[in-house]
Each structure stands twice: as structure tokens, then as C-alpha cells.
Amino acid sequence: MISSIKKRTIVGPNGKIEIQSSEFPQGASVEVIVLLEPEKDETEYLLSSEANKNHLIEAIENIEKRKNLISFTPTEWDEKYNV
């Protein structure tokens, strides 16, 4: 019989956390430990490799030079992406 599981889940409305497992019998006594994952630093990821770093630098340069940008109005955005 299985004695432990490790699952990742997302906290729902009002702090609700659900863990589903058919591996434990109904009515079994369990101990639950919740570990909050630290927030990820996106900048750290973007600088984690030379390729990522170069891509980020190029993207920043494009913004500063107003090059390779896509422009749209709020109405155009709503028509295409507002679901």
C-alpha cells in the first residue's frame, strides 16, 4: 500500500486547495503539509543562459529604436483577443 504522494496544485478561490488521489482509501487518516513555492524571478530566468540574455538585450534595443514592433489600437486588441 502506498504511504505518501507528492502533488502540485493551485490555490483556488478562498484559499481552497484540492488534492485528488485514488491511491488512499476513503476514511484514511492523513497528515497534510503545505509548502508555498517562492515566486520566480523572471529576470533571473531571462539571464540564465547566453542565448536568453542575447535575446533580451536585442528585444530591449528594438524597443528603444522602435524597430520590429507591432502596433494596434485598444479596439483592435479587443476585437482579436478579448474573449
PDB file of N, CA and C in Angstrom:
ATOM      1  N   MET A   1       0.840  -1.185   0.000  1.00  0.00           N
ATOM      2  CA  MET A   1       0.000   0.000   0.000  1.00  0.00           C
ATOM      3  C   MET A   1       0.883   1.245   0.000  1.00  0.00           C
ATOM      4  N   ILE A   2       0.486   2.248  -0.754  1.00  0.00           N
ATOM      5  CA  ILE A   2       1.236   3.497  -0.850  1.00  0.00           C
ATOM      6  C   ILE A   2       1.139   4.267   0.473  1.00  0.00           C
ATOM      7  N   SER A   3       2.239   4.913   0.866  1.00  0.00           N
ATOM      8  CA  SER A   3       2.227   5.648   2.130  1.00  0.00           C
ATOM      9  C   SER A   3       2.392   7.143   1.967  1.00  0.00           C
ATOM     10  N   SER A   4       2.693   7.617   0.742  1.00  0.00           N
ATOM     11  CA  SER A   4       2.829   9.056   0.545  1.00  0.00           C
ATOM     12  C   SER A   4       2.644   9.402  -0.921  1.00  0.00           C
ATOM     13  N   ILE A   5       2.296  10.657  -1.160  1.00  0.00           N
ATOM     14  CA  ILE A   5       2.217  11.194  -2.519  1.00  0.00           C
ATOM     15  C   ILE A   5       2.776  12.604  -2.483  1.00  0.00           C
ATOM     16  N   LYS A   6       3.187  13.084  -3.641  1.00  0.00           N
ATOM     17  CA  LYS A   6       3.611  14.476  -3.774  1.00  0.00           C
ATOM     18  C   LYS A   6       2.892  15.022  -4.996  1.00  0.00           C
ATOM     19  N   LYS A   7       2.136  16.076  -4.818  1.00  0.00           N
ATOM     20  CA  LYS A   7       1.355  16.666  -5.901  1.00  0.00           C
ATOM     21  C   LYS A   7       1.538  18.170  -5.893  1.00  0.00           C
ATOM     22  N   ARG A   8       1.444  18.768  -7.074  1.00  0.00           N
ATOM     23  CA  ARG A   8       1.411  20.227  -7.201  1.00  0.00           C
ATOM     24  C   ARG A   8      -0.015  20.619  -7.542  1.00  0.00           C
ATOM     25  N   THR A   9      -0.457  21.707  -6.985  1.00  0.00           N
ATOM     26  CA  THR A   9      -1.793  22.191  -7.273  1.00  0.00           C
ATOM     27  C   THR A   9      -1.799  23.708  -7.139  1.00  0.00           C
ATOM     28  N   ILE A  10      -2.866  24.323  -7.555  1.00  0.00           N
ATOM     29  CA  ILE A  10      -3.016  25.777  -7.492  1.00  0.00           C
ATOM     30  C   ILE A  10      -4.058  26.109  -6.428  1.00  0.00           C
ATOM     31  N   VAL A  11      -3.787  27.124  -5.649  1.00  0.00           N
ATOM     32  CA  VAL A  11      -4.741  27.567  -4.640  1.00  0.00           C
ATOM     33  C   VAL A  11      -5.929  28.203  -5.352  1.00  0.00           C
ATOM     34  N   GLY A  12      -7.114  27.734  -5.014  1.00  0.00           N
ATOM     35  CA  GLY A  12      -8.335  28.240  -5.632  1.00  0.00           C
ATOM     36  C   GLY A  12      -8.938  29.384  -4.845  1.00  0.00           C
ATOM     37  N   PRO A  13     -10.171  29.750  -5.205  1.00  0.00           N
ATOM     38  CA  PRO A  13     -10.869  30.825  -4.505  1.00  0.00           C
ATOM     39  C   PRO A  13     -10.966  30.540  -3.007  1.00  0.00           C
ATOM     40  N   ASN A  14     -10.846  31.585  -2.223  1.00  0.00           N
ATOM     41  CA  ASN A  14     -10.940  31.492  -0.760  1.00  0.00           C
ATOM     42  C   ASN A  14      -9.884  30.571  -0.155  1.00  0.00           C
ATOM     43  N   GLY A  15      -8.744  30.413  -0.833  1.00  0.00           N
ATOM     44  CA  GLY A  15      -7.651  29.610  -0.294  1.00  0.00           C
ATOM     45  C   GLY A  15      -7.871  28.109  -0.387  1.00  0.00           C
ATOM     46  N   LYS A  16      -8.837  27.676  -1.179  1.00  0.00           N
ATOM     47  CA  LYS A  16      -9.154  26.251  -1.271  1.00  0.00           C
ATOM     48  C   LYS A  16      -8.067  25.493  -2.025  1.00  0.00           C
ATOM     49  N   ILE A  17      -7.613  24.394  -1.433  1.00  0.00           N
ATOM     50  CA  ILE A  17      -6.601  23.538  -2.041  1.00  0.00           C
ATOM     51  C   ILE A  17      -7.205  22.142  -2.176  1.00  0.00           C
ATOM     52  N   GLU A  18      -7.163  21.590  -3.383  1.00  0.00           N
ATOM     53  CA  GLU A  18      -7.706  20.254  -3.612  1.00  0.00           C
ATOM     54  C   GLU A  18      -6.591  19.320  -4.055  1.00  0.00           C
ATOM     55  N   ILE A  19      -6.557  18.138  -3.459  1.00  0.00           N
ATOM     56  CA  ILE A  19      -5.622  17.093  -3.862  1.00  0.00           C
ATOM     57  C   ILE A  19      -6.450  15.839  -4.081  1.00  0.00           C
ATOM     58  N   GLN A  20      -6.434  15.342  -5.294  1.00  0.00           N
ATOM     59  CA  GLN A  20      -7.204  14.147  -5.597  1.00  0.00           C
ATOM     60  C   GLN A  20      -6.262  12.979  -5.800  1.00  0.00           C
ATOM     61  N   SER A  21      -6.581  11.874  -5.155  1.00  0.00           N
ATOM     62  CA  SER A  21      -5.790  10.666  -5.311  1.00  0.00           C
ATOM     63  C   SER A  21      -6.667   9.462  -5.024  1.00  0.00           C
ATOM     64  N   SER A  22      -6.708   8.547  -5.944  1.00  0.00           N
ATOM     65  CA  SER A  22      -7.471   7.318  -5.735  1.00  0.00           C
ATOM     66  C   SER A  22      -6.623   6.273  -5.022  1.00  0.00           C
ATOM     67  N   GLU A  23      -5.404   6.653  -4.646  1.00  0.00           N
ATOM     68  CA  GLU A  23      -4.472   5.703  -4.053  1.00  0.00           C
ATOM     69  C   GLU A  23      -4.667   5.535  -2.549  1.00  0.00           C
ATOM     70  N   PHE A  24      -5.469   6.385  -1.926  1.00  0.00           N
ATOM     71  CA  PHE A  24      -5.711   6.274  -0.499  1.00  0.00           C
ATOM     72  C   PHE A  24      -7.151   5.836  -0.274  1.00  0.00           C
ATOM     73  N   PRO A  25      -7.362   4.968   0.675  1.00  0.00           N
ATOM     74  CA  PRO A  25      -8.725   4.524   0.943  1.00  0.00           C
ATOM     75  C   PRO A  25      -9.546   5.612   1.628  1.00  0.00           C
ATOM     76  N   GLN A  26     -10.825   5.651   1.305  1.00  0.00           N
ATOM     77  CA  GLN A  26     -11.715   6.618   1.935  1.00  0.00           C
ATOM     78  C   GLN A  26     -11.709   6.412   3.441  1.00  0.00           C
ATOM     79  N   GLY A  27     -11.653   7.515   4.178  1.00  0.00           N
ATOM     80  CA  GLY A  27     -11.670   7.458   5.628  1.00  0.00           C
ATOM     81  C   GLY A  27     -10.297   7.314   6.265  1.00  0.00           C
ATOM     82  N   ALA A  28      -9.245   7.178   5.445  1.00  0.00           N
ATOM     83  CA  ALA A  28      -7.896   7.053   5.996  1.00  0.00           C
ATOM     84  C   ALA A  28      -7.488   8.357   6.661  1.00  0.00           C
ATOM     85  N   SER A  29      -6.742   8.265   7.740  1.00  0.00           N
ATOM     86  CA  SER A  29      -6.215   9.441   8.420  1.00  0.00           C
ATOM     87  C   SER A  29      -4.926   9.872   7.721  1.00  0.00           C
ATOM     88  N   VAL A  30      -4.832  11.162   7.355  1.00  0.00           N
ATOM     89  CA  VAL A  30      -3.659  11.654   6.635  1.00  0.00           C
ATOM     90  C   VAL A  30      -3.140  12.917   7.299  1.00  0.00           C
ATOM     91  N   GLU A  31      -1.874  13.208   7.076  1.00  0.00           N
ATOM     92  CA  GLU A  31      -1.260  14.455   7.518  1.00  0.00           C
ATOM     93  C   GLU A  31      -0.960  15.265   6.268  1.00  0.00           C
ATOM     94  N   VAL A  32      -1.348  16.525   6.256  1.00  0.00           N
ATOM     95  CA  VAL A  32      -1.152  17.385   5.094  1.00  0.00           C
ATOM     96  C   VAL A  32      -0.173  18.492   5.464  1.00  0.00           C
ATOM     97  N   ILE A  33       0.872  18.643   4.662  1.00  0.00           N
ATOM     98  CA  ILE A  33       1.845  19.714   4.837  1.00  0.00           C
ATOM     99  C   ILE A  33       1.814  20.545   3.561  1.00  0.00           C
ATOM    100  N   VAL A  34       1.629  21.849   3.680  1.00  0.00           N
ATOM    101  CA  VAL A  34       1.554  22.735   2.523  1.00  0.00           C
ATOM    102  C   VAL A  34       2.801  23.609   2.499  1.00  0.00           C
ATOM    103  N   LEU A  35       3.551  23.557   1.397  1.00  0.00           N
ATOM    104  CA  LEU A  35       4.745  24.379   1.212  1.00  0.00           C
ATOM    105  C   LEU A  35       4.477  25.355   0.081  1.00  0.00           C
ATOM    106  N   LEU A  36       4.550  26.625   0.365  1.00  0.00           N
ATOM    107  CA  LEU A  36       4.327  27.651  -0.641  1.00  0.00           C
ATOM    108  C   LEU A  36       5.597  27.838  -1.455  1.00  0.00           C
ATOM    109  N   GLU A  37       5.477  27.697  -2.790  1.00  0.00           N
ATOM    110  CA  GLU A  37       6.644  27.876  -3.645  1.00  0.00           C
ATOM    111  C   GLU A  37       6.998  29.357  -3.727  1.00  0.00           C
ATOM    112  N   PRO A  38       8.286  29.680  -3.677  1.00  0.00           N
ATOM    113  CA  PRO A  38       8.678  31.094  -3.808  1.00  0.00           C
ATOM    114  C   PRO A  38       8.353  31.598  -5.217  1.00  0.00           C
ATOM    115  N   GLU A  39       8.057  32.877  -5.300  1.00  0.00           N
ATOM    116  CA  GLU A  39       7.791  33.469  -6.609  1.00  0.00           C
ATOM    117  C   GLU A  39       9.057  33.410  -7.450  1.00  0.00           C
ATOM    118  N   LYS A  40       8.869  33.132  -8.734  1.00  0.00           N
ATOM    119  CA  LYS A  40      10.015  33.045  -9.631  1.00  0.00           C
ATOM    120  C   LYS A  40      10.390  34.435 -10.125  1.00  0.00           C
ATOM    121  N   ASP A  41      11.666  34.680 -10.204  1.00  0.00           N
ATOM    122  CA  ASP A  41      12.178  35.942 -10.717  1.00  0.00           C
ATOM    123  C   ASP A  41      12.394  35.777 -12.212  1.00  0.00           C
ATOM    124  N   GLU A  42      11.509  36.381 -13.011  1.00  0.00           N
ATOM    125  CA  GLU A  42      11.592  36.230 -14.464  1.00  0.00           C
ATOM    126  C   GLU A  42      12.905  36.762 -15.019  1.00  0.00           C
ATOM    127  N   THR A  43      13.441  37.816 -14.417  1.00  0.00           N
ATOM    128  CA  THR A  43      14.708  38.368 -14.898  1.00  0.00           C
ATOM    129  C   THR A  43      15.828  37.353 -14.739  1.00  0.00           C
ATOM    130  N   GLU A  44      15.821  36.637 -13.632  1.00  0.00           N
ATOM    131  CA  GLU A  44      16.840  35.611 -13.409  1.00  0.00           C
ATOM    132  C   GLU A  44      16.777  34.548 -14.505  1.00  0.00           C
ATOM    133  N   TYR A  45      15.556  34.143 -14.875  1.00  0.00           N
ATOM    134  CA  TYR A  45      15.403  33.157 -15.953  1.00  0.00           C
ATOM    135  C   TYR A  45      15.898  33.733 -17.281  1.00  0.00           C
ATOM    136  N   LEU A  46      15.518  34.974 -17.563  1.00  0.00           N
ATOM    137  CA  LEU A  46      15.895  35.584 -18.843  1.00  0.00           C
ATOM    138  C   LEU A  46      17.407  35.732 -18.982  1.00  0.00           C
ATOM    139  N   LEU A  47      18.102  35.831 -17.881  1.00  0.00           N
ATOM    140  CA  LEU A  47      19.554  35.974 -17.923  1.00  0.00           C
ATOM    141  C   LEU A  47      20.277  34.654 -17.638  1.00  0.00           C
ATOM    142  N   SER A  48      19.532  33.541 -17.564  1.00  0.00           N
ATOM    143  CA  SER A  48      20.108  32.264 -17.149  1.00  0.00           C
ATOM    144  C   SER A  48      21.003  31.608 -18.190  1.00  0.00           C
ATOM    145  N   SER A  49      20.859  31.977 -19.449  1.00  0.00           N
ATOM    146  CA  SER A  49      21.734  31.424 -20.483  1.00  0.00           C
ATOM    147  C   SER A  49      22.168  32.553 -21.413  1.00  0.00           C
ATOM    148  N   GLU A  50      23.241  32.315 -22.130  1.00  0.00           N
ATOM    149  CA  GLU A  50      23.752  33.342 -23.051  1.00  0.00           C
ATOM    150  C   GLU A  50      22.732  33.641 -24.144  1.00  0.00           C
ATOM    151  N   ALA A  51      22.052  32.606 -24.650  1.00  0.00           N
ATOM    152  CA  ALA A  51      21.045  32.807 -25.695  1.00  0.00           C
ATOM    153  C   ALA A  51      19.885  33.655 -25.180  1.00  0.00           C
ATOM    154  N   ASN A  52      19.397  33.346 -23.980  1.00  0.00           N
ATOM    155  CA  ASN A  52      18.311  34.140 -23.400  1.00  0.00           C
ATOM    156  C   ASN A  52      18.748  35.580 -23.177  1.00  0.00           C
ATOM    157  N   LYS A  53      19.953  35.749 -22.647  1.00  0.00           N
ATOM    158  CA  LYS A  53      20.476  37.092 -22.370  1.00  0.00           C
ATOM    159  C   LYS A  53      20.558  37.906 -23.663  1.00  0.00           C
ATOM    160  N   ASN A  54      21.084  37.291 -24.738  1.00  0.00           N
ATOM    161  CA  ASN A  54      21.196  37.988 -26.024  1.00  0.00           C
ATOM    162  C   ASN A  54      19.830  38.351 -26.583  1.00  0.00           C
ATOM    163  N   HIS A  55      18.866  37.440 -26.447  1.00  0.00           N
ATOM    164  CA  HIS A  55      17.520  37.704 -26.939  1.00  0.00           C
ATOM    165  C   HIS A  55      16.892  38.869 -26.176  1.00  0.00           C
ATOM    166  N   LEU A  56      17.087  38.915 -24.864  1.00  0.00           N
ATOM    167  CA  LEU A  56      16.552  40.003 -24.047  1.00  0.00           C
ATOM    168  C   LEU A  56      17.187  41.332 -24.431  1.00  0.00           C
ATOM    169  N   ILE A  57      18.483  41.349 -24.589  1.00  0.00           N
ATOM    170  CA  ILE A  57      19.186  42.586 -24.977  1.00  0.00           C
ATOM    171  C   ILE A  57      18.696  43.071 -26.333  1.00  0.00           C
ATOM    172  N   GLU A  58      18.530  42.145 -27.283  1.00  0.00           N
ATOM    173  CA  GLU A  58      18.037  42.509 -28.619  1.00  0.00           C
ATOM    174  C   GLU A  58      16.616  43.075 -28.542  1.00  0.00           C
ATOM    175  N   ALA A  59      15.770  42.459 -27.711  1.00  0.00           N
ATOM    176  CA  ALA A  59      14.400  42.943 -27.569  1.00  0.00           C
ATOM    177  C   ALA A  59      14.371  44.348 -26.974  1.00  0.00           C
ATOM    178  N   ILE A  60      15.213  44.608 -25.989  1.00  0.00           N
ATOM    179  CA  ILE A  60      15.284  45.940 -25.382  1.00  0.00           C
ATOM    180  C   ILE A  60      15.769  46.960 -26.402  1.00  0.00           C
ATOM    181  N   GLU A  61      16.773  46.601 -27.193  1.00  0.00           N
ATOM    182  CA  GLU A  61      17.278  47.508 -28.233  1.00  0.00           C
ATOM    183  C   GLU A  61      16.189  47.802 -29.268  1.00  0.00           C
ATOM    184  N   ASN A  62      15.409  46.796 -29.644  1.00  0.00           N
ATOM    185  CA  ASN A  62      14.318  47.009 -30.597  1.00  0.00           C
ATOM    186  C   ASN A  62      13.293  47.989 -30.060  1.00  0.00           C
ATOM    187  N   ILE A  63      12.986  47.893 -28.782  1.00  0.00           N
ATOM    188  CA  ILE A  63      12.029  48.826 -28.185  1.00  0.00           C
ATOM    189  C   ILE A  63      12.601  50.242 -28.177  1.00  0.00           C
ATOM    190  N   GLU A  64      13.873  50.369 -27.783  1.00  0.00           N
ATOM    191  CA  GLU A  64      14.497  51.692 -27.726  1.00  0.00           C
ATOM    192  C   GLU A  64      14.575  52.330 -29.104  1.00  0.00           C
ATOM    193  N   LYS A  65      14.795  51.527 -30.145  1.00  0.00           N
ATOM    194  CA  LYS A  65      14.914  52.040 -31.514  1.00  0.00           C
ATOM    195  C   LYS A  65      13.574  52.043 -32.244  1.00  0.00           C
ATOM    196  N   ARG A  66      12.512  51.561 -31.553  1.00  0.00           N
ATOM    197  CA  ARG A  66      11.176  51.439 -32.145  1.00  0.00           C
ATOM    198  C   ARG A  66      11.245  50.647 -33.456  1.00  0.00           C
ATOM    199  N   LYS A  67      11.920  49.506 -33.399  1.00  0.00           N
ATOM    200  CA  LYS A  67      12.145  48.643 -34.547  1.00  0.00           C
ATOM    201  C   LYS A  67      11.500  47.277 -34.280  1.00  0.00           C
ATOM    202  N   ASN A  68      10.916  46.676 -35.326  1.00  0.00           N
ATOM    203  CA  ASN A  68      10.291  45.351 -35.228  1.00  0.00           C
ATOM    204  C   ASN A  68       9.167  45.307 -34.185  1.00  0.00           C
ATOM    205  N   LEU A  69       8.404  46.384 -34.090  1.00  0.00           N
ATOM    206  CA  LEU A  69       7.293  46.440 -33.144  1.00  0.00           C
ATOM    207  C   LEU A  69       5.976  46.222 -33.874  1.00  0.00           C
ATOM    208  N   ILE A  70       5.004  45.703 -33.171  1.00  0.00           N
ATOM    209  CA  ILE A  70       3.658  45.542 -33.712  1.00  0.00           C
ATOM    210  C   ILE A  70       2.766  46.517 -32.962  1.00  0.00           C
ATOM    211  N   SER A  71       2.038  47.345 -33.700  1.00  0.00           N
ATOM    212  CA  SER A  71       1.164  48.344 -33.079  1.00  0.00           C
ATOM    213  C   SER A  71      -0.295  48.003 -33.349  1.00  0.00           C
ATOM    214  N   PHE A  72      -1.144  48.321 -32.399  1.00  0.00           N
ATOM    215  CA  PHE A  72      -2.578  48.115 -32.557  1.00  0.00           C
ATOM    216  C   PHE A  72      -3.300  49.042 -31.598  1.00  0.00           C
ATOM    217  N   THR A  73      -4.545  49.330 -31.922  1.00  0.00           N
ATOM    218  CA  THR A  73      -5.364  50.182 -31.065  1.00  0.00           C
ATOM    219  C   THR A  73      -6.041  49.306 -30.012  1.00  0.00           C
ATOM    220  N   PRO A  74      -6.541  49.913 -28.942  1.00  0.00           N
ATOM    221  CA  PRO A  74      -7.281  49.124 -27.955  1.00  0.00           C
ATOM    222  C   PRO A  74      -8.477  48.391 -28.579  1.00  0.00           C
ATOM    223  N   THR A  75      -9.132  49.028 -29.536  1.00  0.00           N
ATOM    224  CA  THR A  75     -10.272  48.385 -30.206  1.00  0.00           C
ATOM    225  C   THR A  75      -9.818  47.163 -30.981  1.00  0.00           C
ATOM    226  N   GLU A  76      -8.697  47.275 -31.694  1.00  0.00           N
ATOM    227  CA  GLU A  76      -8.166  46.125 -32.429  1.00  0.00           C
ATOM    228  C   GLU A  76      -7.805  44.987 -31.475  1.00  0.00           C
ATOM    229  N   TRP A  77      -7.234  45.326 -30.339  1.00  0.00           N
ATOM    230  CA  TRP A  77      -6.883  44.299 -29.345  1.00  0.00           C
ATOM    231  C   TRP A  77      -8.145  43.589 -28.855  1.00  0.00           C
ATOM    232  N   ASP A  78      -9.173  44.380 -28.502  1.00  0.00           N
ATOM    233  CA  ASP A  78     -10.413  43.785 -28.013  1.00  0.00           C
ATOM    234  C   ASP A  78     -11.046  42.872 -29.055  1.00  0.00           C
ATOM    235  N   GLU A  79     -11.048  43.315 -30.311  1.00  0.00           N
ATOM    236  CA  GLU A  79     -11.657  42.505 -31.367  1.00  0.00           C
ATOM    237  C   GLU A  79     -10.947  41.174 -31.544  1.00  0.00           C
ATOM    238  N   LYS A  80      -9.630  41.159 -31.379  1.00  0.00           N
ATOM    239  CA  LYS A  80      -8.873  39.940 -31.616  1.00  0.00           C
ATOM    240  C   LYS A  80      -8.715  39.077 -30.383  1.00  0.00           C
ATOM    241  N   TYR A  81      -8.494  39.687 -29.213  1.00  0.00           N
ATOM    242  CA  TYR A  81      -8.101  38.911 -28.044  1.00  0.00           C
ATOM    243  C   TYR A  81      -9.096  38.914 -26.886  1.00  0.00           C
ATOM    244  N   ASN A  82     -10.026  39.832 -26.855  1.00  0.00           N
ATOM    245  CA  ASN A  82     -10.956  39.894 -25.731  1.00  0.00           C
ATOM    246  C   ASN A  82     -12.003  38.808 -25.916  1.00  0.00           C
ATOM    247  N   VAL A  83     -11.902  37.787 -25.089  1.00  0.00           N
ATOM    248  CA  VAL A  83     -12.806  36.634 -25.228  1.00  0.00           C
ATOM    249  C   VAL A  83     -13.996  36.798 -24.325  1.00  0.00           C
TER     250      VAL A  83
END
